[in-house]
Amino acid sequence: MADSSVDAEAEEPFSLLFVCVQPMDESDCCVIYRRDYDRIPHPSLDAAIDNAWRAALQRNPAIFDGSKFRLASVAPPEESSSDCAAWPTLHLGLTGYREYLGTHRLDAPLVAQLMRDGEAHHGDAAAHLSNALGCEAVLITSDNHAVLLRRSSAVATHSGLYNGPSGHPEPAHAGLGEAYPCGEAGCGGAAGSGHELFDMDQSVARLQSTASLPPDPDSRRAASELFDSVVQETVEETGIPRGALSAPLLLGVMTDACGKPDALFLLFTRLDAAAVRATYDSGAAAHGWESDRLQLVPCGRLLGGPDELAASLGIRMTGVTRAAVECLRCVRAHHRCGGARRMKAGAGEGAAGRSWKDHARLWFDDALS
């Protein structure tokens, strides 16, 4: 994400690393967390990380070097060597905000050199990059509206653009962030596209030998935090209580123009559009300062494309949000090509006992067909 407000006329490019044509809950998604997947230090350019961090602290003394998960690679089902080979496998290590600013946000020639050296010496163009993993939700109301938030001038990036509830999974919440090596003063997050289904971008790290190991307790905690984080961000940014939200379903993973990855989720609320607006307007959102307007968009219009939203409603979305919408469009296309029959399996328990995954399957059939 850019470190300044984005030109309202510019559309940040993105790449989809994979799309879940059958959105997955936590039990479907295999996450392997290993410190072997941490960023590899660069022998000469790591001094640039220190310089970038000192400069960032001078601009904003409130920032601190919180730990983040690092996305090392995404293995499609047919390429996964783990016990979860029926599903995509996310390989996570540990990084932090300091490493993110000092790698992805360097001047373009230095980033290019990091990537060339990573490929040349480690067979992985991203070996020296932070790849801090974010998360974002497409939040759907009970009467079929998508919830979008306009980013306020108080946030560091993309002010004036719309996104869904978003943020980062926090390793510390899973008891996994203590070992992250803090930087200098201020250590202690910032305050305040062609693709194929299940296809990896070549710049994503290759599988390592430890991927064959089954998920351990640390990996299970990392997976739980990944899925829980998008729910927590939604509560904090909209004020909707947890009890009115569904379990999150993974739609896919993307990278932005700087190579930073985000996991994209589908989330439902039992509240209708009017109740969501009333909750937001009440000031119940703990992080309400991050946005200055809530927009409720009928799902059909959301999937009509960013140009239609910009022309009819004046809505321009971040690259991460446009990637999430593109995932929904891919799922809809999959349904229209006959995938809906396969996805409806297991959805016959009735509304009272139906899982959120089955609810999503029926929603795709009824709302997006």
Foldseek 3Di string as FASTA:
>chain_A
DDQAADDLVDAFAKEFFAFDLQWAFLVLEAEAEDQVLAADADPPLVVLLVVQVVVVCVVPVQFAKAKFKAFQFKAALVRFLAPSSNGIYTYIYMDTPSQQCSALVDPPVRNQVCQVCCCVPPVASCRNHGLGEKAFEQEAEPVAWTKKFQFDPQDRYHHRAIGGQMTGQHLVVLVRGPPHDTDDPRHPPGPLYDDDHSHGDSNRHDDDPCSHYYHDSSRSSSSVSLQVVNLVSNCQQQVDDSVFKARKTWGGKMATPSRHIYTYIYMYGHHHPVVSVVSRVVVNRNSNNRGDDMDIGRLVQLLVAQVSCCVPPVHHHHNVRRVNSVSLVVSLVCVVVPCLVVQCPPLPPDDVPGHVSNVVSVCSVPRVD
